Amino acid sequence: MGSHPIEALMKTTMESLKDMVDVNTIVGDPVETPDGTVIIPISRVSFGFASGGGEYNEKNSREVNETEQSEKLPFAGGTGAGVSVQPVAFMVVGNGEMKLLPVDQNANMLDSLFNFMPKFVDKIQGMGDKKNQKKTKRIEKEDENTEE
């Protein structure tokens, strides 16, 4: 029995993934600074792969007789893959030392929070100002009513 067309689709996709995801993707190319320090990026690589297909016939499967089943049916299929590369750390080598500096994933969250705080404080102050304005208007109205 010959190979199925889906095998060729899967083989092509897997070879492409193999080319994309290698050790050089995880441990990046070293970068040398002017003072001689070498920085090596280290990343986390995630990937996914999906493949599917089927053989189709124009006639309803119940109506197909045995001689027609032995004929080769048309094939339709497809594959897909995705790769995600996320920095995890930097290895710094220089001055007789080697350090691993992790990339803090929560740093972005903290930056967002610190950037949001001034807006939040302004909004709270604005709400307090509106409340004070209403209170002042109510007091002024009460004063007018007591003077009469």
N, C-alpha and C. Protein backbone atom coordinates (compact mmCIF):
# COMPACT_ATOMS: atom_id res chain seq x y z
N MET A 1 0.84 -1.17 0.00
CA MET A 1 0.00 0.00 0.00
C MET A 1 0.89 1.24 0.00
N GLY A 2 0.57 2.24 -0.85
CA GLY A 2 1.37 3.46 -0.96
C GLY A 2 1.13 4.40 0.21
N SER A 3 1.94 5.42 0.27
CA SER A 3 1.78 6.38 1.36
C SER A 3 0.55 7.25 1.12
N HIS A 4 -0.06 7.66 2.20
CA HIS A 4 -1.27 8.49 2.16
C HIS A 4 -0.87 9.94 1.99
N PRO A 5 -1.65 10.75 1.28
CA PRO A 5 -1.29 12.17 1.08
C PRO A 5 -1.11 12.95 2.38
N ILE A 6 -1.81 12.57 3.43
CA ILE A 6 -1.68 13.29 4.71
C ILE A 6 -0.27 13.13 5.27
N GLU A 7 0.38 12.01 4.96
CA GLU A 7 1.74 11.80 5.44
C GLU A 7 2.69 12.84 4.87
N ALA A 8 2.52 13.18 3.59
CA ALA A 8 3.37 14.19 2.96
C ALA A 8 3.14 15.56 3.59
N LEU A 9 1.87 15.89 3.88
CA LEU A 9 1.56 17.17 4.54
C LEU A 9 2.21 17.25 5.91
N MET A 10 2.08 16.18 6.69
CA MET A 10 2.65 16.16 8.04
C MET A 10 4.18 16.23 7.99
N LYS A 11 4.78 15.50 7.06
CA LYS A 11 6.24 15.49 6.96
C LYS A 11 6.77 16.88 6.63
N THR A 12 6.13 17.57 5.69
CA THR A 12 6.56 18.91 5.32
C THR A 12 6.44 19.88 6.49
N THR A 13 5.33 19.81 7.22
CA THR A 13 5.14 20.70 8.36
C THR A 13 6.14 20.41 9.46
N MET A 14 6.37 19.15 9.76
CA MET A 14 7.31 18.80 10.82
C MET A 14 8.74 19.21 10.45
N GLU A 15 9.12 19.08 9.19
CA GLU A 15 10.45 19.53 8.77
C GLU A 15 10.59 21.04 8.91
N SER A 16 9.53 21.77 8.59
CA SER A 16 9.56 23.22 8.75
C SER A 16 9.70 23.61 10.21
N LEU A 17 8.97 22.91 11.09
CA LEU A 17 9.09 23.16 12.53
C LEU A 17 10.50 22.85 13.02
N LYS A 18 11.06 21.77 12.53
CA LYS A 18 12.41 21.39 12.93
C LYS A 18 13.41 22.47 12.56
N ASP A 19 13.22 23.07 11.39
CA ASP A 19 14.11 24.16 10.98
C ASP A 19 13.96 25.39 11.86
N MET A 20 12.70 25.68 12.28
CA MET A 20 12.45 26.88 13.09
C MET A 20 12.90 26.70 14.54
N VAL A 21 12.65 25.52 15.11
CA VAL A 21 12.92 25.28 16.52
C VAL A 21 14.17 24.43 16.65
N ASP A 22 15.28 25.09 16.89
CA ASP A 22 16.52 24.37 17.15
C ASP A 22 17.18 24.98 18.38
N VAL A 23 18.33 24.47 18.75
CA VAL A 23 18.99 24.95 19.96
C VAL A 23 19.35 26.43 19.85
N ASN A 24 19.61 26.93 18.65
CA ASN A 24 19.95 28.35 18.50
C ASN A 24 18.76 29.26 18.74
N THR A 25 17.55 28.72 18.67
CA THR A 25 16.36 29.51 19.00
C THR A 25 16.24 29.64 20.52
N ILE A 26 16.57 28.59 21.24
CA ILE A 26 16.45 28.59 22.69
C ILE A 26 17.61 29.36 23.33
N VAL A 27 18.84 29.01 22.96
CA VAL A 27 20.01 29.74 23.42
C VAL A 27 20.47 30.59 22.23
N GLY A 28 20.19 31.89 22.30
CA GLY A 28 20.43 32.78 21.17
C GLY A 28 21.89 33.05 20.89
N ASP A 29 22.12 33.79 19.82
CA ASP A 29 23.48 34.16 19.45
C ASP A 29 24.06 35.14 20.46
N PRO A 30 25.30 34.93 20.87
CA PRO A 30 25.92 35.85 21.85
C PRO A 30 26.17 37.22 21.24
N VAL A 31 26.03 38.23 22.09
CA VAL A 31 26.28 39.62 21.69
C VAL A 31 27.40 40.15 22.58
N GLU A 32 28.44 40.70 21.96
CA GLU A 32 29.57 41.22 22.74
C GLU A 32 29.46 42.74 22.82
N THR A 33 29.57 43.26 24.05
CA THR A 33 29.53 44.70 24.28
C THR A 33 30.93 45.28 24.11
N PRO A 34 31.05 46.61 23.97
CA PRO A 34 32.37 47.22 23.79
C PRO A 34 33.37 46.92 24.93
N ASP A 35 32.88 46.70 26.15
CA ASP A 35 33.80 46.42 27.26
C ASP A 35 34.19 44.94 27.34
N GLY A 36 33.74 44.12 26.40
CA GLY A 36 34.13 42.71 26.36
C GLY A 36 33.15 41.77 27.02
N THR A 37 32.09 42.29 27.63
CA THR A 37 31.08 41.44 28.25
C THR A 37 30.26 40.77 27.15
N VAL A 38 29.96 39.49 27.35
CA VAL A 38 29.16 38.74 26.38
C VAL A 38 27.79 38.48 26.99
N ILE A 39 26.74 38.80 26.22
CA ILE A 39 25.36 38.59 26.67
C ILE A 39 24.73 37.54 25.76
N ILE A 40 24.18 36.50 26.38
CA ILE A 40 23.56 35.40 25.63
C ILE A 40 22.08 35.32 26.03
N PRO A 41 21.17 35.57 25.08
CA PRO A 41 19.73 35.46 25.41
C PRO A 41 19.29 34.00 25.49
N ILE A 42 18.41 33.73 26.45
CA ILE A 42 17.84 32.39 26.62
C ILE A 42 16.32 32.54 26.57
N SER A 43 15.68 31.73 25.73
CA SER A 43 14.24 31.87 25.51
C SER A 43 13.50 30.57 25.76
N ARG A 44 12.21 30.71 25.98
CA ARG A 44 11.31 29.57 26.08
C ARG A 44 10.61 29.47 24.72
N VAL A 45 10.61 28.28 24.16
CA VAL A 45 9.98 28.06 22.86
C VAL A 45 8.82 27.10 23.03
N SER A 46 7.65 27.52 22.56
CA SER A 46 6.47 26.66 22.58
C SER A 46 5.98 26.51 21.14
N PHE A 47 5.49 25.35 20.81
CA PHE A 47 4.96 25.19 19.46
C PHE A 47 3.80 24.22 19.47
N GLY A 48 2.96 24.39 18.47
CA GLY A 48 1.81 23.50 18.31
C GLY A 48 1.69 23.09 16.86
N PHE A 49 1.04 21.99 16.65
CA PHE A 49 0.95 21.42 15.31
C PHE A 49 -0.41 20.74 15.16
N ALA A 50 -1.05 20.96 14.03
CA ALA A 50 -2.32 20.30 13.75
C ALA A 50 -2.34 19.86 12.30
N SER A 51 -2.99 18.74 12.07
CA SER A 51 -3.09 18.23 10.71
C SER A 51 -4.41 17.49 10.57
N GLY A 52 -4.98 17.54 9.39
CA GLY A 52 -6.23 16.82 9.18
C GLY A 52 -6.55 16.73 7.71
N GLY A 53 -7.45 15.86 7.40
CA GLY A 53 -7.86 15.70 6.01
C GLY A 53 -8.83 14.56 5.88
N GLY A 54 -9.28 14.37 4.68
CA GLY A 54 -10.21 13.28 4.44
C GLY A 54 -10.35 13.00 2.96
N GLU A 55 -10.89 11.84 2.67
CA GLU A 55 -11.17 11.47 1.29
C GLU A 55 -12.65 11.66 1.05
N TYR A 56 -12.97 12.24 -0.08
CA TYR A 56 -14.36 12.59 -0.35
C TYR A 56 -14.84 11.98 -1.65
N ASN A 57 -16.13 11.72 -1.71
CA ASN A 57 -16.77 11.19 -2.90
C ASN A 57 -18.04 11.99 -3.11
N GLU A 58 -18.41 12.22 -4.36
CA GLU A 58 -19.59 13.01 -4.65
C GLU A 58 -20.87 12.29 -4.25
N LYS A 59 -20.87 10.97 -4.27
CA LYS A 59 -22.08 10.21 -3.98
C LYS A 59 -22.21 9.96 -2.48
N ASN A 60 -23.42 9.72 -2.06
CA ASN A 60 -23.70 9.35 -0.68
C ASN A 60 -23.01 8.02 -0.39
N SER A 61 -22.40 7.88 0.76
CA SER A 61 -21.64 6.67 1.07
C SER A 61 -22.50 5.42 1.07
N ARG A 62 -23.79 5.52 1.31
CA ARG A 62 -24.68 4.35 1.30
C ARG A 62 -24.90 3.84 -0.12
N GLU A 63 -24.82 4.76 -1.09
CA GLU A 63 -25.09 4.40 -2.47
C GLU A 63 -23.86 3.86 -3.20
N VAL A 64 -22.68 3.96 -2.62
CA VAL A 64 -21.46 3.54 -3.28
C VAL A 64 -21.35 2.03 -3.22
N ASN A 65 -21.14 1.41 -4.39
CA ASN A 65 -20.99 -0.05 -4.37
C ASN A 65 -19.52 -0.42 -4.21
N GLU A 66 -19.23 -1.69 -4.11
CA GLU A 66 -17.88 -2.14 -3.80
C GLU A 66 -16.86 -1.79 -4.88
N THR A 67 -17.24 -1.80 -6.15
CA THR A 67 -16.28 -1.48 -7.21
C THR A 67 -15.88 -0.02 -7.16
N GLU A 68 -16.83 0.86 -6.80
CA GLU A 68 -16.51 2.29 -6.71
C GLU A 68 -15.66 2.58 -5.49
N GLN A 69 -15.83 1.77 -4.43
CA GLN A 69 -15.03 1.99 -3.22
C GLN A 69 -13.56 1.68 -3.47
N SER A 70 -13.26 0.76 -4.37
CA SER A 70 -11.88 0.41 -4.63
C SER A 70 -11.17 1.50 -5.43
N GLU A 71 -11.92 2.37 -6.12
CA GLU A 71 -11.30 3.48 -6.85
C GLU A 71 -10.76 4.49 -5.85
N LYS A 72 -9.72 5.20 -6.26
CA LYS A 72 -9.11 6.19 -5.38
C LYS A 72 -10.02 7.41 -5.26
N LEU A 73 -10.32 7.80 -4.04
CA LEU A 73 -11.17 8.95 -3.79
C LEU A 73 -10.33 10.22 -3.74
N PRO A 74 -10.91 11.37 -4.08
CA PRO A 74 -10.14 12.62 -3.98
C PRO A 74 -9.81 12.92 -2.51
N PHE A 75 -8.67 13.55 -2.29
CA PHE A 75 -8.20 13.85 -0.94
C PHE A 75 -8.15 15.36 -0.74
N ALA A 76 -8.57 15.81 0.41
CA ALA A 76 -8.44 17.22 0.80
C ALA A 76 -7.87 17.25 2.21
N GLY A 77 -6.92 18.11 2.43
CA GLY A 77 -6.32 18.16 3.76
C GLY A 77 -5.57 19.45 4.00
N GLY A 78 -5.14 19.61 5.21
CA GLY A 78 -4.38 20.80 5.55
C GLY A 78 -3.62 20.60 6.85
N THR A 79 -2.60 21.41 7.02
CA THR A 79 -1.82 21.38 8.25
C THR A 79 -1.55 22.80 8.70
N GLY A 80 -1.19 22.94 9.94
CA GLY A 80 -0.83 24.25 10.46
C GLY A 80 0.07 24.09 11.66
N ALA A 81 0.85 25.11 11.89
CA ALA A 81 1.76 25.08 13.04
C ALA A 81 1.96 26.50 13.54
N GLY A 82 2.29 26.62 14.80
CA GLY A 82 2.58 27.92 15.39
C GLY A 82 3.73 27.81 16.36
N VAL A 83 4.53 28.86 16.42
CA VAL A 83 5.69 28.88 17.30
C VAL A 83 5.66 30.17 18.11
N SER A 84 5.93 30.07 19.40
CA SER A 84 6.02 31.23 20.28
C SER A 84 7.39 31.23 20.95
N VAL A 85 8.11 32.35 20.83
CA VAL A 85 9.42 32.49 21.46
C VAL A 85 9.31 33.60 22.50
N GLN A 86 9.61 33.27 23.75
CA GLN A 86 9.48 34.22 24.86
C GLN A 86 10.80 34.28 25.62
N PRO A 87 11.37 35.49 25.78
CA PRO A 87 12.63 35.58 26.51
C PRO A 87 12.45 35.18 27.99
N VAL A 88 13.40 34.42 28.50
CA VAL A 88 13.33 33.94 29.88
C VAL A 88 14.45 34.55 30.73
N ALA A 89 15.66 34.61 30.15
CA ALA A 89 16.80 35.11 30.92
C ALA A 89 17.91 35.54 29.96
N PHE A 90 18.90 36.21 30.54
CA PHE A 90 20.11 36.57 29.81
C PHE A 90 21.30 36.10 30.62
N MET A 91 22.21 35.40 29.96
CA MET A 91 23.45 34.98 30.61
C MET A 91 24.49 36.04 30.29
N VAL A 92 25.07 36.63 31.32
CA VAL A 92 26.06 37.68 31.16
C VAL A 92 27.41 37.14 31.61
N VAL A 93 28.38 37.14 30.70
CA VAL A 93 29.71 36.62 30.98
C VAL A 93 30.71 37.75 30.77
N GLY A 94 31.44 38.09 31.82
CA GLY A 94 32.44 39.14 31.71
C GLY A 94 33.07 39.44 33.05
N ASN A 95 34.25 40.06 33.02
CA ASN A 95 34.98 40.41 34.25
C ASN A 95 35.20 39.20 35.15
N GLY A 96 35.43 38.05 34.55
CA GLY A 96 35.69 36.85 35.33
C GLY A 96 34.47 36.29 36.04
N GLU A 97 33.27 36.75 35.68
CA GLU A 97 32.03 36.29 36.32
C GLU A 97 31.04 35.81 35.25
N MET A 98 30.13 34.98 35.71
CA MET A 98 29.02 34.57 34.86
C MET A 98 27.75 34.71 35.68
N LYS A 99 26.78 35.50 35.17
CA LYS A 99 25.53 35.74 35.88
C LYS A 99 24.37 35.34 34.99
N LEU A 100 23.32 34.84 35.62
CA LEU A 100 22.08 34.55 34.91
C LEU A 100 21.06 35.56 35.41
N LEU A 101 20.64 36.46 34.51
CA LEU A 101 19.67 37.49 34.88
C LEU A 101 18.31 37.11 34.32
N PRO A 102 17.38 36.68 35.20
CA PRO A 102 16.06 36.28 34.70
C PRO A 102 15.24 37.50 34.26
N VAL A 103 14.43 37.29 33.26
CA VAL A 103 13.50 38.33 32.81
C VAL A 103 12.27 38.18 33.67
N ASP A 104 11.94 39.22 34.41
CA ASP A 104 10.79 39.17 35.31
C ASP A 104 9.51 39.37 34.51
N GLN A 105 8.69 38.32 34.43
CA GLN A 105 7.45 38.40 33.66
C GLN A 105 6.44 39.32 34.33
N ASN A 106 6.57 39.54 35.64
CA ASN A 106 5.63 40.41 36.34
C ASN A 106 6.01 41.88 36.22
N ALA A 107 7.19 42.17 35.67
CA ALA A 107 7.62 43.56 35.53
C ALA A 107 6.66 44.33 34.65
N ASN A 108 6.18 43.73 33.58
CA ASN A 108 5.23 44.41 32.71
C ASN A 108 3.94 44.71 33.44
N MET A 109 3.50 43.77 34.29
CA MET A 109 2.28 43.99 35.05
C MET A 109 2.47 45.14 36.03
N LEU A 110 3.61 45.20 36.70
CA LEU A 110 3.87 46.29 37.64
C LEU A 110 3.98 47.63 36.92
N ASP A 111 4.64 47.65 35.76
CA ASP A 111 4.72 48.89 34.98
C ASP A 111 3.33 49.38 34.61
N SER A 112 2.47 48.46 34.19
CA SER A 112 1.10 48.83 33.83
C SER A 112 0.37 49.39 35.04
N LEU A 113 0.57 48.75 36.19
CA LEU A 113 -0.09 49.21 37.41
C LEU A 113 0.39 50.61 37.81
N PHE A 114 1.71 50.83 37.74
CA PHE A 114 2.26 52.14 38.10
C PHE A 114 1.80 53.22 37.12
N ASN A 115 1.66 52.87 35.85
CA ASN A 115 1.17 53.83 34.87
C ASN A 115 -0.31 54.13 35.06
N PHE A 116 -1.06 53.17 35.57
CA PHE A 116 -2.49 53.32 35.77
C PHE A 116 -2.81 54.14 37.02
N MET A 117 -1.96 54.08 38.04
CA MET A 117 -2.26 54.71 39.32
C MET A 117 -2.54 56.21 39.23
N PRO A 118 -1.75 57.03 38.52
CA PRO A 118 -2.07 58.46 38.45
C PRO A 118 -3.47 58.71 37.85
N LYS A 119 -3.83 57.96 36.84
CA LYS A 119 -5.17 58.12 36.25
C LYS A 119 -6.25 57.76 37.26
N PHE A 120 -6.00 56.69 38.02
CA PHE A 120 -6.95 56.25 39.03
C PHE A 120 -7.12 57.31 40.12
N VAL A 121 -6.00 57.86 40.58
CA VAL A 121 -6.05 58.89 41.63
C VAL A 121 -6.79 60.13 41.12
N ASP A 122 -6.51 60.54 39.88
CA ASP A 122 -7.22 61.70 39.29
C ASP A 122 -8.72 61.45 39.23
N LYS A 123 -9.11 60.24 38.86
CA LYS A 123 -10.52 59.91 38.78
C LYS A 123 -11.18 59.96 40.15
N ILE A 124 -10.51 59.44 41.16
CA ILE A 124 -11.05 59.47 42.54
C ILE A 124 -11.18 60.92 43.01
N GLN A 125 -10.16 61.73 42.73
CA GLN A 125 -10.22 63.14 43.12
C GLN A 125 -11.36 63.85 42.39
N GLY A 126 -11.54 63.53 41.12
CA GLY A 126 -12.64 64.13 40.35
C GLY A 126 -13.99 63.76 40.94
N MET A 127 -14.13 62.51 41.37
CA MET A 127 -15.38 62.08 41.99
C MET A 127 -15.60 62.82 43.30
N GLY A 128 -14.52 63.01 44.07
CA GLY A 128 -14.62 63.75 45.34
C GLY A 128 -14.99 65.21 45.10
N ASP A 129 -14.41 65.81 44.05
CA ASP A 129 -14.73 67.20 43.72
C ASP A 129 -16.20 67.35 43.34
N LYS A 130 -16.74 66.45 42.57
CA LYS A 130 -18.15 66.49 42.18
C LYS A 130 -19.04 66.35 43.40
N LYS A 131 -18.66 65.45 44.32
CA LYS A 131 -19.43 65.23 45.53
C LYS A 131 -19.42 66.50 46.39
N ASN A 132 -18.25 67.14 46.50
CA ASN A 132 -18.15 68.38 47.27
C ASN A 132 -18.97 69.50 46.63
N GLN A 133 -18.98 69.58 45.31
CA GLN A 133 -19.77 70.60 44.62
C GLN A 133 -21.25 70.40 44.90
N LYS A 134 -21.74 69.17 44.85
CA LYS A 134 -23.14 68.89 45.14
C LYS A 134 -23.47 69.25 46.57
N LYS A 135 -22.55 68.91 47.49
CA LYS A 135 -22.76 69.19 48.91
C LYS A 135 -22.81 70.70 49.13
N THR A 136 -21.93 71.45 48.49
CA THR A 136 -21.90 72.92 48.61
C THR A 136 -23.18 73.52 48.07
N LYS A 137 -23.65 73.04 46.93
CA LYS A 137 -24.90 73.55 46.36
C LYS A 137 -26.07 73.26 47.28
N ARG A 138 -26.10 72.06 47.90
CA ARG A 138 -27.18 71.70 48.80
C ARG A 138 -27.17 72.61 50.03
N ILE A 139 -25.98 72.88 50.57
CA ILE A 139 -25.86 73.75 51.75
C ILE A 139 -26.30 75.17 51.40
N GLU A 140 -25.90 75.66 50.24
CA GLU A 140 -26.30 77.00 49.81
C GLU A 140 -27.82 77.08 49.65
N LYS A 141 -28.42 76.04 49.12
CA LYS A 141 -29.86 76.02 48.94
C LYS A 141 -30.56 76.02 50.30
N GLU A 142 -30.02 75.23 51.27
CA GLU A 142 -30.60 75.20 52.60
C GLU A 142 -30.49 76.56 53.28
N ASP A 143 -29.34 77.24 53.07
CA ASP A 143 -29.15 78.57 53.65
C ASP A 143 -30.17 79.56 53.09
N GLU A 144 -30.42 79.47 51.79
CA GLU A 144 -31.41 80.35 51.17
C GLU A 144 -32.79 80.09 51.75
N ASN A 145 -33.13 78.83 52.01
CA ASN A 145 -34.44 78.48 52.56
C ASN A 145 -34.56 78.95 54.00
N THR A 146 -33.50 78.93 54.80
CA THR A 146 -33.58 79.35 56.19
C THR A 146 -33.64 80.86 56.31
N GLU A 147 -33.07 81.60 55.35
CA GLU A 147 -33.11 83.07 55.39
C GLU A 147 -34.50 83.58 55.10
N GLU A 148 -35.28 82.84 54.38
CA GLU A 148 -36.64 83.30 54.03
C GLU A 148 -37.52 83.12 55.18
